[in-house]
Amino acid sequence: EGPIGLTISPDGKNVYAANSTSMTVSQYSRNTETGALTALSPGMIGAEANAHGIVVSPDGTNVYVANYGSNTVSQYSRNPETGKLTPLSPATITAGYNPHDLAISPDGKNIYVANGTAPGTVTLLTRNTKTGALTTTATIAAGEYTECVVVSPDGTSVYATNEVSSTVSEYSRNPETGMLTTRSPASIATAANPEGIAISADGQDVYTADNGASSVSQYSRSH
């Protein structure tokens, strides 16, 4: 009930949906020839209140879910053969207030959580690349009601949309520690109420979905 977040495993064999109302994750196998989905057994696995954003780690061994209503991130191991998820221990980690969305760095070392509150923040989680377990490392200031977040393909930058202040916060990322440093300027204006954000595969351009303006803002990105 209430599916919001959606992600596909890097090998293309599975699809996972975060269900806000039922506080679960639906898990499917994907036919790589036709694209058709088949529910796994069990079809769902527990998350927490108002599950929103969901990501799979680049190595395909873990799945993470931002639980907006419980201020946590659920963490799971993923069986690369069957695609089935198993909660880690602990099953959740604290991740700021009203975590709405999350993104993982290309190297798999860090997760960044967009916290939809006023003022908004981005929470940095450090990932153990062997076990998949997360540790809360830092909280970085953003704009008002931070909605979504993305990491650049080269791993050097992080961008986050701020719905109420109608801006994109921009940060440089330390590839060793994952820590973020606010760029100058700290943010750039969008059209009204940006939510979703995406970056092109070549890292050249950034786009925001502007809910309040019925538009998409488009930006070139300097390297």
Protein backbone atom coordinates (compact mmCIF):
# COMPACT_ATOMS: atom_id res chain seq x y z
CA GLU A 1 0.00 0.00 0.00
CA GLY A 2 1.26 3.44 -0.94
CA PRO A 3 4.31 2.58 -3.08
CA ILE A 4 6.60 5.62 -3.38
CA GLY A 5 10.25 4.66 -3.91
CA LEU A 6 11.46 2.35 -6.68
CA THR A 7 14.87 0.95 -7.60
CA ILE A 8 16.43 -1.66 -9.89
CA SER A 9 19.41 -3.81 -8.95
CA PRO A 10 22.66 -3.13 -10.87
CA ASP A 11 22.46 -6.56 -12.54
CA GLY A 12 18.92 -5.79 -13.74
CA LYS A 13 17.52 -8.98 -12.19
CA ASN A 14 15.38 -7.42 -9.45
CA VAL A 15 13.08 -4.48 -8.73
CA TYR A 16 12.24 -3.21 -5.24
CA ALA A 17 9.46 -0.82 -4.19
CA ALA A 18 9.21 1.08 -0.88
CA ASN A 19 5.61 1.08 0.36
CA SER A 20 4.81 4.07 2.57
CA THR A 21 1.40 2.98 3.90
CA SER A 22 2.11 -0.67 4.60
CA MET A 23 5.67 0.01 5.85
CA THR A 24 7.16 -2.68 3.63
CA VAL A 25 9.44 -3.31 0.67
CA SER A 26 8.00 -5.28 -2.26
CA GLN A 27 10.56 -7.49 -3.98
CA TYR A 28 10.36 -8.80 -7.54
CA SER A 29 12.43 -10.81 -9.95
CA ARG A 30 12.77 -9.24 -13.41
CA ASN A 31 12.86 -11.08 -16.70
CA THR A 32 15.89 -9.50 -18.36
CA GLU A 33 14.55 -10.29 -21.85
CA THR A 34 10.95 -9.03 -21.51
CA GLY A 35 11.25 -6.73 -18.48
CA ALA A 36 8.24 -8.41 -16.82
CA LEU A 37 8.20 -8.64 -13.02
CA THR A 38 7.31 -11.61 -10.80
CA ALA A 39 6.81 -11.26 -7.05
CA LEU A 40 9.36 -13.13 -4.97
CA SER A 41 8.34 -15.24 -1.97
CA PRO A 42 7.84 -13.58 0.39
CA GLY A 43 6.51 -10.78 -1.76
CA MET A 44 7.18 -8.14 0.89
CA ILE A 45 9.59 -7.56 3.76
CA GLY A 46 9.11 -5.16 6.68
CA ALA A 47 10.41 -1.58 6.72
CA GLU A 48 9.30 1.28 9.02
CA ALA A 49 6.81 4.16 9.00
CA ASN A 50 6.30 5.98 5.69
CA ALA A 51 9.01 4.22 3.70
CA HIS A 52 10.03 6.57 0.88
CA GLY A 53 13.38 6.50 -0.93
CA ILE A 54 15.15 3.23 -1.74
CA VAL A 55 18.54 2.36 -3.26
CA VAL A 56 20.63 -0.72 -4.07
CA SER A 57 24.39 -0.61 -3.43
CA PRO A 58 26.61 -0.55 -6.54
CA ASP A 59 27.91 -4.04 -5.74
CA GLY A 60 24.34 -5.35 -5.47
CA THR A 61 24.78 -6.77 -1.96
CA ASN A 62 22.59 -4.35 0.01
CA VAL A 63 19.35 -2.36 -0.14
CA TYR A 64 18.57 0.73 1.95
CA VAL A 65 15.24 2.49 2.60
CA ALA A 66 14.55 5.97 4.01
CA ASN A 67 11.67 5.79 6.50
CA TYR A 68 10.15 9.29 6.56
CA GLY A 69 7.82 8.66 9.51
CA SER A 70 10.31 6.98 11.85
CA ASN A 71 13.48 9.01 11.17
CA THR A 72 15.44 5.90 10.23
CA VAL A 73 17.05 4.06 7.34
CA SER A 74 16.32 0.33 7.02
CA GLN A 75 19.29 -1.78 5.92
CA TYR A 76 19.14 -5.19 4.23
CA SER A 77 21.51 -7.70 2.75
CA ARG A 78 20.60 -8.88 -0.76
CA ASN A 79 21.11 -12.39 -2.07
CA PRO A 80 22.64 -11.80 -5.53
CA GLU A 81 21.33 -15.14 -6.80
CA THR A 82 17.70 -14.94 -5.64
CA GLY A 83 17.36 -11.19 -5.08
CA LYS A 84 15.73 -11.77 -1.68
CA LEU A 85 16.35 -9.28 1.12
CA THR A 86 17.25 -10.02 4.75
CA PRO A 87 17.34 -7.32 7.47
CA LEU A 88 20.77 -6.59 8.89
CA SER A 89 21.35 -6.36 12.63
CA PRO A 90 20.42 -3.75 13.64
CA ALA A 91 17.63 -3.52 11.06
CA THR A 92 17.58 0.30 11.12
CA ILE A 93 19.82 3.26 11.84
CA THR A 94 18.91 6.82 12.84
CA ALA A 95 19.10 9.19 9.88
CA GLY A 96 17.94 12.73 10.60
CA TYR A 97 14.40 14.11 10.82
CA ASN A 98 11.86 13.04 8.15
CA PRO A 99 14.30 11.28 5.78
CA HIS A 100 12.64 11.55 2.39
CA ASP A 101 15.19 10.26 -0.10
CA LEU A 102 18.69 8.82 -0.21
CA ALA A 103 21.56 8.27 -2.65
CA ILE A 104 24.66 6.11 -2.53
CA SER A 105 28.11 7.11 -3.78
CA PRO A 106 29.53 5.27 -6.81
CA ASP A 107 32.27 3.73 -4.64
CA GLY A 108 29.62 2.35 -2.26
CA LYS A 109 31.27 3.94 0.80
CA ASN A 110 28.62 6.50 1.70
CA ILE A 111 24.90 7.13 1.71
CA TYR A 112 23.44 10.63 1.72
CA VAL A 113 19.96 11.15 3.17
CA ALA A 114 17.74 14.15 2.33
CA ASN A 115 15.83 15.18 5.46
CA GLY A 116 12.56 16.94 4.67
CA THR A 117 12.28 19.37 7.57
CA ALA A 118 12.85 23.08 8.17
CA PRO A 119 15.69 23.78 7.97
CA GLY A 120 16.53 20.79 5.82
CA THR A 121 19.68 18.75 6.18
CA VAL A 122 21.68 16.02 4.46
CA THR A 123 22.78 13.17 6.73
CA LEU A 124 26.02 11.38 5.87
CA LEU A 125 26.06 7.64 6.57
CA THR A 126 29.26 5.63 6.27
CA ARG A 127 28.87 2.11 4.84
CA ASN A 128 30.96 -0.90 5.76
CA THR A 129 31.59 -2.28 2.27
CA LYS A 130 32.08 -5.81 3.64
CA THR A 131 29.00 -6.11 5.89
CA GLY A 132 26.80 -3.39 4.42
CA ALA A 133 26.13 -1.93 7.87
CA LEU A 134 25.73 1.85 8.13
CA THR A 135 27.07 4.33 10.69
CA THR A 136 25.78 7.88 11.11
CA THR A 137 28.75 10.18 10.53
CA ALA A 138 27.60 13.78 10.11
CA THR A 139 24.70 16.12 9.38
CA ILE A 140 25.15 18.93 6.88
CA ALA A 141 22.94 22.02 6.53
CA ALA A 142 20.79 22.41 3.42
CA GLY A 143 17.75 24.54 2.50
CA GLU A 144 14.14 24.28 3.65
CA TYR A 145 12.48 20.88 3.34
CA THR A 146 15.22 18.95 1.58
CA GLU A 147 13.49 16.42 -0.66
CA CYS A 148 15.88 14.49 -2.88
CA VAL A 149 19.61 13.99 -3.28
CA VAL A 150 22.02 12.74 -5.96
CA VAL A 151 25.75 11.95 -6.15
CA SER A 152 27.71 12.77 -9.30
CA PRO A 153 29.05 9.79 -11.31
CA ASP A 154 32.64 10.82 -10.55
CA GLY A 155 31.86 10.88 -6.81
CA THR A 156 33.12 14.44 -6.31
CA SER A 157 29.83 16.26 -5.80
CA VAL A 158 26.43 15.94 -4.10
CA TYR A 159 23.31 17.94 -4.95
CA ALA A 160 20.03 18.19 -2.99
CA THR A 161 16.68 19.81 -3.79
CA ASN A 162 15.01 22.08 -1.23
CA GLU A 163 11.27 22.20 -1.83
CA VAL A 164 10.24 25.28 0.17
CA SER A 165 13.27 27.48 -0.52
CA SER A 166 13.18 26.45 -4.22
CA THR A 167 16.89 25.82 -4.46
CA VAL A 168 19.48 23.12 -5.08
CA SER A 169 22.18 22.83 -2.42
CA GLU A 170 25.57 21.93 -3.88
CA TYR A 171 28.49 20.28 -2.11
CA SER A 172 31.95 18.98 -2.89
CA ARG A 173 32.60 15.45 -1.60
CA ASN A 174 35.80 14.13 -0.08
CA PRO A 175 36.27 10.73 -1.79
CA GLU A 176 38.23 9.35 1.19
CA THR A 177 35.91 10.31 4.05
CA GLY A 178 32.66 11.05 2.21
CA MET A 179 32.39 14.37 4.04
CA LEU A 180 30.62 17.24 2.27
CA THR A 181 31.76 20.83 1.99
CA THR A 182 29.30 23.50 0.94
CA ARG A 183 30.29 25.09 -2.34
CA SER A 184 30.20 28.81 -3.09
CA PRO A 185 27.48 29.69 -3.78
CA ALA A 186 25.86 27.23 -1.35
CA SER A 187 22.79 26.86 -3.54
CA ILE A 188 21.33 27.76 -6.89
CA ALA A 189 17.73 28.81 -7.61
CA THR A 190 15.20 26.53 -9.28
CA ALA A 191 11.61 27.04 -10.34
CA ALA A 192 9.01 26.56 -7.59
CA ASN A 193 9.13 23.59 -5.21
CA PRO A 194 11.75 21.24 -6.64
CA GLU A 195 11.52 17.60 -5.56
CA GLY A 196 13.18 14.98 -7.79
CA ILE A 197 16.73 15.44 -9.01
CA ALA A 198 18.81 13.56 -11.59
CA ILE A 199 22.27 13.82 -13.07
CA SER A 200 23.28 12.62 -16.52
CA ALA A 201 25.47 9.52 -16.81
CA ASP A 202 28.34 11.61 -18.19
CA GLY A 203 28.05 14.02 -15.25
CA GLN A 204 27.58 17.02 -17.52
CA ASP A 205 24.06 18.08 -16.54
CA VAL A 206 21.66 18.20 -13.58
CA TYR A 207 17.87 18.33 -13.75
CA THR A 208 15.22 19.05 -11.10
CA ALA A 209 11.50 18.25 -11.17
CA ASP A 210 9.75 21.45 -10.05
CA ASN A 211 6.43 20.40 -8.54
CA GLY A 212 5.13 23.92 -7.97
CA ALA A 213 5.97 25.20 -11.46
CA SER A 214 5.05 22.20 -13.64
CA SER A 215 8.53 22.37 -15.10
CA VAL A 216 11.99 20.82 -15.19
CA SER A 217 14.97 23.06 -14.39
CA GLN A 218 18.17 22.24 -16.28
CA TYR A 219 21.75 23.05 -15.40
CA SER A 220 25.18 22.48 -16.85
CA ARG A 221 27.75 21.23 -14.34
CA SER A 222 31.35 22.41 -14.17
CA HIS A 223 33.97 19.77 -13.34
